[in-house]
C-alpha cells in the first residue's frame, strides 16, 4: 500500500467517525479507536501494539478536534472555569497514569478492557442510567480525585472523557450547558498529555511501522483531523432528522457490537 492510498483510507475513516460523532453526540474516540484497530490490522501492524497505537493516535486527533470544540464553548461562556481548574491537576496526572497502565498491558488485555468499557456505556444508554443532578459542588480534593479517575480512564481508552465528565459535573450542580462546555475543555488536557505520554512510552519500539512517532500514526492523524470536523456537521444535521429514541438505541447497539468484538477477539 502506498502512502497516498493509506492517507485516502484515513480520510474516509475520519469522515465516517466525524459523521457518527455528530450523529450520536459523542466524542470521536469511541468510534476512532475501533476503526483504527481495524485499519492497522489491514496494514499489517504488529498485533502486540495495534491497540496502543490506536489509542495514542485517537488522543492526538482529539487534541485538534477538542480544541475546536473547547474554543467554541469558551466563546459562548459555557465553561465553568473554577471547576475546570479544580479538575485540571487530576486530569493531567490521571492521563499520565492511564498511559503507563496501558503501556504495561498487553494489546489483548487492553482491547478486552476497552470492550468491557464500551459494553458498560451501551448498557447505560439502553437503561438511561445516570447520576441524579445535584446542587452542592464538592471541594477541591474531591474534584482532583474525580479528575484523576476521568483522566486515567480516558487516556487508557483514547477518549475525551465526556461520557464521565458530563454526568459528574451535572451531579455537582452544573447546568447541562456548563457540564458540556466544561467537559469539552477537560478533554483538551487529557488528550494533549495522553498523546505526548504515548509518544514517550512508545519511542523506539521496534514493532512500530513507518510514519509513526511513538504510539502516534501520523497519516491516520492527518486524515482523521482533515475530515472528521466538517463531517461532524453532517452528522448533526442527520441527528435533527432522526428521533432521539432511534439514535440512542442505534448507538447502544453499535457500542454493544464493538464491545463484544473486542472481548471475543
C-alpha atoms as a PDB file:
ATOM      1  CA  UNK A   1       0.000   0.000   0.000  1.00  0.00           C
ATOM      2  CA  UNK A   2       1.306   3.458  -0.923  1.00  0.00           C
ATOM      3  CA  UNK A   3       1.243   6.365   1.492  1.00  0.00           C
ATOM      4  CA  UNK A   4      -1.374   8.081  -0.696  1.00  0.00           C
ATOM      5  CA  UNK A   5      -3.743   5.111  -0.594  1.00  0.00           C
ATOM      6  CA  UNK A   6      -3.260   4.815   3.145  1.00  0.00           C
ATOM      7  CA  UNK A   7      -3.961   8.531   3.621  1.00  0.00           C
ATOM      8  CA  UNK A   8      -7.083   8.248   1.444  1.00  0.00           C
ATOM      9  CA  UNK A   9      -8.320   5.448   3.663  1.00  0.00           C
ATOM     10  CA  UNK A  10      -7.809   7.555   6.766  1.00  0.00           C
ATOM     11  CA  UNK A  11      -9.614  10.499   5.168  1.00  0.00           C
ATOM     12  CA  UNK A  12     -12.583   8.194   4.670  1.00  0.00           C
ATOM     13  CA  UNK A  13     -12.254   6.890   8.227  1.00  0.00           C
ATOM     14  CA  UNK A  14     -12.263  10.455   9.560  1.00  0.00           C
ATOM     15  CA  UNK A  15     -15.379  11.266   7.539  1.00  0.00           C
ATOM     16  CA  UNK A  16     -17.209   8.237   8.945  1.00  0.00           C
ATOM     17  CA  UNK A  17     -16.019   8.904  12.503  1.00  0.00           C
ATOM     18  CA  UNK A  18     -16.957  12.583  12.306  1.00  0.00           C
ATOM     19  CA  UNK A  19     -20.393  11.840  10.896  1.00  0.00           C
ATOM     20  CA  UNK A  20     -21.139   9.273  13.591  1.00  0.00           C
ATOM     21  CA  UNK A  21     -19.791  11.520  16.350  1.00  0.00           C
ATOM     22  CA  UNK A  22     -22.078  14.327  15.200  1.00  0.00           C
ATOM     23  CA  UNK A  23     -24.989  11.950  14.694  1.00  0.00           C
ATOM     24  CA  UNK A  24     -24.782  10.347  18.132  1.00  0.00           C
ATOM     25  CA  UNK A  25     -23.459  13.322  20.090  1.00  0.00           C
ATOM     26  CA  UNK A  26     -20.320  11.664  21.466  1.00  0.00           C
ATOM     27  CA  UNK A  27     -16.614  12.265  21.161  1.00  0.00           C
ATOM     28  CA  UNK A  28     -14.940  10.578  18.239  1.00  0.00           C
ATOM     29  CA  UNK A  29     -12.677   8.349  20.355  1.00  0.00           C
ATOM     30  CA  UNK A  30     -15.309   5.651  20.822  1.00  0.00           C
ATOM     31  CA  UNK A  31     -15.563   5.429  17.035  1.00  0.00           C
ATOM     32  CA  UNK A  32     -11.956   6.171  16.081  1.00  0.00           C
ATOM     33  CA  UNK A  33     -10.235   3.587  18.306  1.00  0.00           C
ATOM     34  CA  UNK A  34     -12.123   0.535  16.937  1.00  0.00           C
ATOM     35  CA  UNK A  35     -11.804   1.852  13.384  1.00  0.00           C
ATOM     36  CA  UNK A  36      -8.056   2.372  13.774  1.00  0.00           C
ATOM     37  CA  UNK A  37      -7.613  -1.104  15.226  1.00  0.00           C
ATOM     38  CA  UNK A  38      -9.305  -2.499  12.113  1.00  0.00           C
ATOM     39  CA  UNK A  39      -7.275  -0.245   9.774  1.00  0.00           C
ATOM     40  CA  UNK A  40      -3.955  -1.026  11.448  1.00  0.00           C
ATOM     41  CA  UNK A  41      -4.688  -4.745  11.253  1.00  0.00           C
ATOM     42  CA  UNK A  42      -5.245  -4.410   7.490  1.00  0.00           C
ATOM     43  CA  UNK A  43      -1.905  -2.596   7.248  1.00  0.00           C
ATOM     44  CA  UNK A  44      -0.160  -5.480   8.962  1.00  0.00           C
ATOM     45  CA  UNK A  45       0.747  -3.598  12.151  1.00  0.00           C
ATOM     46  CA  UNK A  46       2.005  -5.988  14.830  1.00  0.00           C
ATOM     47  CA  UNK A  47      -0.964  -7.081  16.989  1.00  0.00           C
ATOM     48  CA  UNK A  48       1.118  -6.506  20.132  1.00  0.00           C
ATOM     49  CA  UNK A  49       0.990  -2.737  19.571  1.00  0.00           C
ATOM     50  CA  UNK A  50      -2.136  -2.267  17.426  1.00  0.00           C
ATOM     51  CA  UNK A  51      -4.326  -1.259  20.367  1.00  0.00           C
ATOM     52  CA  UNK A  52      -1.707   1.058  21.876  1.00  0.00           C
ATOM     53  CA  UNK A  53      -1.142   2.767  18.512  1.00  0.00           C
ATOM     54  CA  UNK A  54      -4.898   3.201  18.023  1.00  0.00           C
ATOM     55  CA  UNK A  55      -5.397   4.745  21.472  1.00  0.00           C
ATOM     56  CA  UNK A  56      -2.400   7.073  21.164  1.00  0.00           C
ATOM     57  CA  UNK A  57      -3.419   8.233  17.691  1.00  0.00           C
ATOM     58  CA  UNK A  58      -7.009   8.764  18.805  1.00  0.00           C
ATOM     59  CA  UNK A  59      -5.850  11.022  21.638  1.00  0.00           C
ATOM     60  CA  UNK A  60      -3.692  13.011  19.200  1.00  0.00           C
ATOM     61  CA  UNK A  61      -6.709  13.666  16.955  1.00  0.00           C
ATOM     62  CA  UNK A  62      -8.777  14.771  19.964  1.00  0.00           C
ATOM     63  CA  UNK A  63      -6.192  17.497  20.666  1.00  0.00           C
ATOM     64  CA  UNK A  64      -7.233  19.185  17.415  1.00  0.00           C
ATOM     65  CA  UNK A  65     -10.945  18.368  17.347  1.00  0.00           C
ATOM     66  CA  UNK A  66     -11.264  19.011  21.093  1.00  0.00           C
ATOM     67  CA  UNK A  67      -9.548  22.389  20.792  1.00  0.00           C
ATOM     68  CA  UNK A  68     -12.129  23.470  18.225  1.00  0.00           C
ATOM     69  CA  UNK A  69     -14.978  22.373  20.477  1.00  0.00           C
ATOM     70  CA  UNK A  70     -13.472  23.907  23.626  1.00  0.00           C
ATOM     71  CA  UNK A  71     -12.879  27.232  21.851  1.00  0.00           C
ATOM     72  CA  UNK A  72     -16.496  27.355  20.747  1.00  0.00           C
ATOM     73  CA  UNK A  73     -17.738  26.753  24.302  1.00  0.00           C
ATOM     74  CA  UNK A  74     -15.251  29.301  25.678  1.00  0.00           C
ATOM     75  CA  UNK A  75     -16.582  31.976  23.329  1.00  0.00           C
ATOM     76  CA  UNK A  76     -20.123  31.230  24.468  1.00  0.00           C
ATOM     77  CA  UNK A  77     -19.104  31.429  28.146  1.00  0.00           C
ATOM     78  CA  UNK A  78     -20.236  27.880  28.917  1.00  0.00           C
ATOM     79  CA  UNK A  79     -17.002  26.745  30.621  1.00  0.00           C
ATOM     80  CA  UNK A  80     -17.143  26.870  34.428  1.00  0.00           C
ATOM     81  CA  UNK A  81     -13.560  27.993  34.980  1.00  0.00           C
ATOM     82  CA  UNK A  82     -13.253  27.322  38.758  1.00  0.00           C
ATOM     83  CA  UNK A  83     -14.407  23.733  38.293  1.00  0.00           C
ATOM     84  CA  UNK A  84     -12.159  23.259  35.279  1.00  0.00           C
ATOM     85  CA  UNK A  85      -9.148  24.499  37.255  1.00  0.00           C
ATOM     86  CA  UNK A  86     -10.072  22.216  40.190  1.00  0.00           C
ATOM     87  CA  UNK A  87     -10.264  19.215  37.860  1.00  0.00           C
ATOM     88  CA  UNK A  88      -7.133  20.082  35.842  1.00  0.00           C
ATOM     89  CA  UNK A  89      -4.367  18.654  38.115  1.00  0.00           C
ATOM     90  CA  UNK A  90      -6.190  15.339  38.391  1.00  0.00           C
ATOM     91  CA  UNK A  91      -6.929  15.238  34.671  1.00  0.00           C
ATOM     92  CA  UNK A  92      -3.248  15.652  33.770  1.00  0.00           C
ATOM     93  CA  UNK A  93      -1.854  13.270  36.381  1.00  0.00           C
ATOM     94  CA  UNK A  94      -4.578  10.743  35.628  1.00  0.00           C
ATOM     95  CA  UNK A  95      -3.841  10.909  31.904  1.00  0.00           C
ATOM     96  CA  UNK A  96      -0.159  10.158  32.523  1.00  0.00           C
ATOM     97  CA  UNK A  97      -1.081   7.302  34.839  1.00  0.00           C
ATOM     98  CA  UNK A  98      -3.581   5.896  32.344  1.00  0.00           C
ATOM     99  CA  UNK A  99      -0.954   5.783  29.597  1.00  0.00           C
ATOM    100  CA  UNK A 100       1.550   3.994  31.827  1.00  0.00           C
ATOM    101  CA  UNK A 101      -1.138   1.482  32.778  1.00  0.00           C
ATOM    102  CA  UNK A 102      -1.854   0.905  29.075  1.00  0.00           C
ATOM    103  CA  UNK A 103       1.861   0.542  28.332  1.00  0.00           C
ATOM    104  CA  UNK A 104       2.117  -2.251  30.888  1.00  0.00           C
ATOM    105  CA  UNK A 105      -0.846  -4.155  29.476  1.00  0.00           C
ATOM    106  CA  UNK A 106      -0.716  -6.490  26.506  1.00  0.00           C
ATOM    107  CA  UNK A 107      -2.669  -5.482  23.428  1.00  0.00           C
ATOM    108  CA  UNK A 108      -5.138  -8.309  24.097  1.00  0.00           C
ATOM    109  CA  UNK A 109      -5.842  -7.248  27.674  1.00  0.00           C
ATOM    110  CA  UNK A 110      -6.143  -3.578  26.707  1.00  0.00           C
ATOM    111  CA  UNK A 111      -8.563  -4.491  23.919  1.00  0.00           C
ATOM    112  CA  UNK A 112     -10.650  -6.610  26.294  1.00  0.00           C
ATOM    113  CA  UNK A 113     -10.838  -3.778  28.826  1.00  0.00           C
ATOM    114  CA  UNK A 114     -11.895  -1.401  26.055  1.00  0.00           C
ATOM    115  CA  UNK A 115     -14.626  -3.854  25.066  1.00  0.00           C
ATOM    116  CA  UNK A 116     -15.917  -4.087  28.636  1.00  0.00           C
ATOM    117  CA  UNK A 117     -15.923  -0.289  28.945  1.00  0.00           C
ATOM    118  CA  UNK A 118     -17.872   0.098  25.707  1.00  0.00           C
ATOM    119  CA  UNK A 119     -20.393  -2.536  26.782  1.00  0.00           C
ATOM    120  CA  UNK A 120     -20.946  -0.698  30.061  1.00  0.00           C
ATOM    121  CA  UNK A 121     -21.620   2.501  28.116  1.00  0.00           C
ATOM    122  CA  UNK A 122     -24.091   0.638  25.892  1.00  0.00           C
ATOM    123  CA  UNK A 123     -25.919  -0.669  28.976  1.00  0.00           C
ATOM    124  CA  UNK A 124     -26.005   2.832  30.445  1.00  0.00           C
ATOM    125  CA  UNK A 125     -27.537   4.217  27.259  1.00  0.00           C
ATOM    126  CA  UNK A 126     -30.178   1.500  26.930  1.00  0.00           C
ATOM    127  CA  UNK A 127     -31.414   1.836  30.504  1.00  0.00           C
ATOM    128  CA  UNK A 128     -30.824   5.584  30.804  1.00  0.00           C
ATOM    129  CA  UNK A 129     -28.583   5.164  33.833  1.00  0.00           C
ATOM    130  CA  UNK A 130     -27.056   8.409  35.098  1.00  0.00           C
ATOM    131  CA  UNK A 131     -26.452  10.037  38.480  1.00  0.00           C
ATOM    132  CA  UNK A 132     -29.127  12.373  39.777  1.00  0.00           C
ATOM    133  CA  UNK A 133     -28.353  16.079  39.294  1.00  0.00           C
ATOM    134  CA  UNK A 134     -27.082  17.711  42.457  1.00  0.00           C
ATOM    135  CA  UNK A 135     -26.799  21.244  43.745  1.00  0.00           C
ATOM    136  CA  UNK A 136     -23.751  21.322  46.018  1.00  0.00           C
ATOM    137  CA  UNK A 137     -20.309  21.104  44.371  1.00  0.00           C
ATOM    138  CA  UNK A 138     -17.657  19.046  46.194  1.00  0.00           C
ATOM    139  CA  UNK A 139     -14.393  20.510  47.443  1.00  0.00           C
ATOM    140  CA  UNK A 140     -11.146  20.736  45.507  1.00  0.00           C
ATOM    141  CA  UNK A 141      -9.863  17.391  46.835  1.00  0.00           C
ATOM    142  CA  UNK A 142     -12.907  15.524  45.518  1.00  0.00           C
ATOM    143  CA  UNK A 143     -12.634  17.402  42.229  1.00  0.00           C
ATOM    144  CA  UNK A 144      -8.966  16.447  41.881  1.00  0.00           C
ATOM    145  CA  UNK A 145      -9.731  12.797  42.591  1.00  0.00           C
ATOM    146  CA  UNK A 146     -12.583  12.834  40.083  1.00  0.00           C
ATOM    147  CA  UNK A 147     -10.277  14.441  37.535  1.00  0.00           C
ATOM    148  CA  UNK A 148      -7.700  11.726  38.139  1.00  0.00           C
ATOM    149  CA  UNK A 149     -10.237   8.955  37.528  1.00  0.00           C
ATOM    150  CA  UNK A 150     -11.595  10.629  34.383  1.00  0.00           C
ATOM    151  CA  UNK A 151      -8.101  11.366  33.072  1.00  0.00           C
ATOM    152  CA  UNK A 152      -6.833   7.833  33.664  1.00  0.00           C
ATOM    153  CA  UNK A 153      -9.797   6.056  32.065  1.00  0.00           C
ATOM    154  CA  UNK A 154      -9.885   8.492  29.138  1.00  0.00           C
ATOM    155  CA  UNK A 155      -6.174   8.119  28.356  1.00  0.00           C
ATOM    156  CA  UNK A 156      -6.361   4.358  28.829  1.00  0.00           C
ATOM    157  CA  UNK A 157      -9.082   4.049  26.161  1.00  0.00           C
ATOM    158  CA  UNK A 158      -8.285   7.007  23.864  1.00  0.00           C
ATOM    159  CA  UNK A 159     -11.407   9.079  24.532  1.00  0.00           C
ATOM    160  CA  UNK A 160     -12.046  12.670  25.567  1.00  0.00           C
ATOM    161  CA  UNK A 161     -13.856  11.769  28.780  1.00  0.00           C
ATOM    162  CA  UNK A 162     -17.197  13.459  28.111  1.00  0.00           C
ATOM    163  CA  UNK A 163     -19.139  10.297  28.934  1.00  0.00           C
ATOM    164  CA  UNK A 164     -17.839  10.582  32.510  1.00  0.00           C
ATOM    165  CA  UNK A 165     -17.245  14.312  32.965  1.00  0.00           C
ATOM    166  CA  UNK A 166     -20.732  15.466  31.954  1.00  0.00           C
ATOM    167  CA  UNK A 167     -22.573  13.237  34.488  1.00  0.00           C
ATOM    168  CA  UNK A 168     -20.081  14.190  37.222  1.00  0.00           C
ATOM    169  CA  UNK A 169     -20.472  17.920  36.630  1.00  0.00           C
ATOM    170  CA  UNK A 170     -24.235  17.546  36.449  1.00  0.00           C
ATOM    171  CA  UNK A 171     -24.118  15.821  39.824  1.00  0.00           C
ATOM    172  CA  UNK A 172     -22.078  18.786  41.088  1.00  0.00           C
ATOM    173  CA  UNK A 173     -24.867  21.176  40.186  1.00  0.00           C
ATOM    174  CA  UNK A 174     -23.826  22.355  36.722  1.00  0.00           C
ATOM    175  CA  UNK A 175     -26.438  23.138  34.110  1.00  0.00           C
ATOM    176  CA  UNK A 176     -26.270  20.917  31.040  1.00  0.00           C
ATOM    177  CA  UNK A 177     -24.718  23.787  29.059  1.00  0.00           C
ATOM    178  CA  UNK A 178     -22.000  24.250  31.695  1.00  0.00           C
ATOM    179  CA  UNK A 179     -21.445  20.498  32.016  1.00  0.00           C
ATOM    180  CA  UNK A 180     -20.967  20.017  28.262  1.00  0.00           C
ATOM    181  CA  UNK A 181     -18.813  23.149  27.879  1.00  0.00           C
ATOM    182  CA  UNK A 182     -16.568  22.351  30.845  1.00  0.00           C
ATOM    183  CA  UNK A 183     -16.319  18.729  29.727  1.00  0.00           C
ATOM    184  CA  UNK A 184     -15.146  19.893  26.294  1.00  0.00           C
ATOM    185  CA  UNK A 185     -12.429  21.964  27.971  1.00  0.00           C
ATOM    186  CA  UNK A 186     -11.409  18.990  30.127  1.00  0.00           C
ATOM    187  CA  UNK A 187     -10.915  16.791  27.067  1.00  0.00           C
ATOM    188  CA  UNK A 188      -8.122  19.005  25.765  1.00  0.00           C
ATOM    189  CA  UNK A 189      -5.528  18.488  28.560  1.00  0.00           C
ATOM    190  CA  UNK A 190      -6.426  14.804  28.750  1.00  0.00           C
ATOM    191  CA  UNK A 191      -5.770  14.356  25.035  1.00  0.00           C
ATOM    192  CA  UNK A 192      -2.636  16.533  24.911  1.00  0.00           C
ATOM    193  CA  UNK A 193      -0.941  14.979  27.945  1.00  0.00           C
ATOM    194  CA  UNK A 194      -2.095  11.495  26.989  1.00  0.00           C
ATOM    195  CA  UNK A 195      -0.861  11.749  23.393  1.00  0.00           C
ATOM    196  CA  UNK A 196       2.511  13.133  24.456  1.00  0.00           C
ATOM    197  CA  UNK A 197       2.923  10.375  27.028  1.00  0.00           C
ATOM    198  CA  UNK A 198       2.033   7.726  24.430  1.00  0.00           C
ATOM    199  CA  UNK A 199       4.742   9.189  22.187  1.00  0.00           C
ATOM    200  CA  UNK A 200       7.261   8.926  25.028  1.00  0.00           C
ATOM    201  CA  UNK A 201       6.408   5.388  26.137  1.00  0.00           C
ATOM    202  CA  UNK A 202       6.309   4.121  22.540  1.00  0.00           C
ATOM    203  CA  UNK A 203       9.512   5.844  21.433  1.00  0.00           C
ATOM    204  CA  UNK A 204      11.886   3.443  19.714  1.00  0.00           C
ATOM    205  CA  UNK A 205       9.560   0.430  19.896  1.00  0.00           C
ATOM    206  CA  UNK A 206      10.942  -1.990  17.274  1.00  0.00           C
ATOM    207  CA  UNK A 207       7.446  -3.101  16.229  1.00  0.00           C
ATOM    208  CA  UNK A 208       6.337   0.370  15.123  1.00  0.00           C
ATOM    209  CA  UNK A 209       5.561   0.796  11.406  1.00  0.00           C
ATOM    210  CA  UNK A 210       6.598   3.729   9.223  1.00  0.00           C
ATOM    211  CA  UNK A 211       5.261   7.258   9.756  1.00  0.00           C
ATOM    212  CA  UNK A 212       4.894   6.939  13.497  1.00  0.00           C
ATOM    213  CA  UNK A 213       6.327   8.811  16.456  1.00  0.00           C
ATOM    214  CA  UNK A 214       5.948   6.626  19.477  1.00  0.00           C
ATOM    215  CA  UNK A 215       2.376   5.375  19.565  1.00  0.00           C
ATOM    216  CA  UNK A 216       1.001   8.023  17.175  1.00  0.00           C
ATOM    217  CA  UNK A 217       0.454   7.227  13.495  1.00  0.00           C
ATOM    218  CA  UNK A 218       0.718  10.475  11.511  1.00  0.00           C
ATOM    219  CA  UNK A 219      -1.108   9.527   8.266  1.00  0.00           C
ATOM    220  CA  UNK A 220      -4.060   8.423  10.401  1.00  0.00           C
ATOM    221  CA  UNK A 221      -3.865  11.621  12.454  1.00  0.00           C
ATOM    222  CA  UNK A 222      -3.821  13.849   9.364  1.00  0.00           C
ATOM    223  CA  UNK A 223      -6.619  12.017   7.563  1.00  0.00           C
ATOM    224  CA  UNK A 224      -8.930  11.930  10.563  1.00  0.00           C
ATOM    225  CA  UNK A 225      -8.368  15.566  11.532  1.00  0.00           C
ATOM    226  CA  UNK A 226      -8.947  16.843   7.988  1.00  0.00           C
ATOM    227  CA  UNK A 227     -12.335  15.167   7.542  1.00  0.00           C
ATOM    228  CA  UNK A 228     -13.813  14.452  10.995  1.00  0.00           C
ATOM    229  CA  UNK A 229     -14.593  18.080  11.889  1.00  0.00           C
ATOM    230  CA  UNK A 230     -16.507  19.039   8.702  1.00  0.00           C
ATOM    231  CA  UNK A 231     -18.326  15.703   8.580  1.00  0.00           C
ATOM    232  CA  UNK A 232     -19.382  16.082  12.219  1.00  0.00           C
ATOM    233  CA  UNK A 233     -21.651  18.875  10.941  1.00  0.00           C
ATOM    234  CA  UNK A 234     -23.207  16.371   8.527  1.00  0.00           C
ATOM    235  CA  UNK A 235     -23.909  14.062  11.449  1.00  0.00           C
ATOM    236  CA  UNK A 236     -25.501  16.892  13.431  1.00  0.00           C
ATOM    237  CA  UNK A 237     -27.886  17.607  10.551  1.00  0.00           C
ATOM    238  CA  UNK A 238     -28.821  13.922  10.346  1.00  0.00           C
ATOM    239  CA  UNK A 239     -29.396  13.858  14.111  1.00  0.00           C
ATOM    240  CA  UNK A 240     -32.080  16.514  13.746  1.00  0.00           C
ATOM    241  CA  UNK A 241     -33.923  14.312  11.242  1.00  0.00           C
ATOM    242  CA  UNK A 242     -33.985  11.083  13.276  1.00  0.00           C
ATOM    243  CA  UNK A 243     -35.774  10.582  16.579  1.00  0.00           C
ATOM    244  CA  UNK A 244     -33.805  10.682  19.847  1.00  0.00           C
ATOM    245  CA  UNK A 245     -35.000   7.190  20.789  1.00  0.00           C
ATOM    246  CA  UNK A 246     -33.841   5.714  17.489  1.00  0.00           C
ATOM    247  CA  UNK A 247     -30.458   7.417  17.856  1.00  0.00           C
ATOM    248  CA  UNK A 248     -29.974   6.227  21.450  1.00  0.00           C
ATOM    249  CA  UNK A 249     -30.777   2.597  20.738  1.00  0.00           C
ATOM    250  CA  UNK A 250     -28.878   2.592  17.444  1.00  0.00           C
ATOM    251  CA  UNK A 251     -25.733   3.861  19.115  1.00  0.00           C
ATOM    252  CA  UNK A 252     -26.151   1.480  22.043  1.00  0.00           C
ATOM    253  CA  UNK A 253     -26.416  -1.400  19.561  1.00  0.00           C
ATOM    254  CA  UNK A 254     -23.288  -0.223  17.752  1.00  0.00           C
ATOM    255  CA  UNK A 255     -21.383   0.013  21.039  1.00  0.00           C
ATOM    256  CA  UNK A 256     -22.565  -3.450  22.071  1.00  0.00           C
ATOM    257  CA  UNK A 257     -21.363  -4.978  18.796  1.00  0.00           C
ATOM    258  CA  UNK A 258     -17.991  -3.199  19.075  1.00  0.00           C
ATOM    259  CA  UNK A 259     -17.617  -4.190  22.727  1.00  0.00           C
ATOM    260  CA  UNK A 260     -18.357  -7.857  22.065  1.00  0.00           C
ATOM    261  CA  UNK A 261     -15.966  -7.826  19.112  1.00  0.00           C
ATOM    262  CA  UNK A 262     -13.118  -6.687  21.352  1.00  0.00           C
ATOM    263  CA  UNK A 263     -13.994  -9.071  24.174  1.00  0.00           C
ATOM    264  CA  UNK A 264     -14.339 -12.118  21.927  1.00  0.00           C
ATOM    265  CA  UNK A 265     -11.334 -11.332  19.688  1.00  0.00           C
END
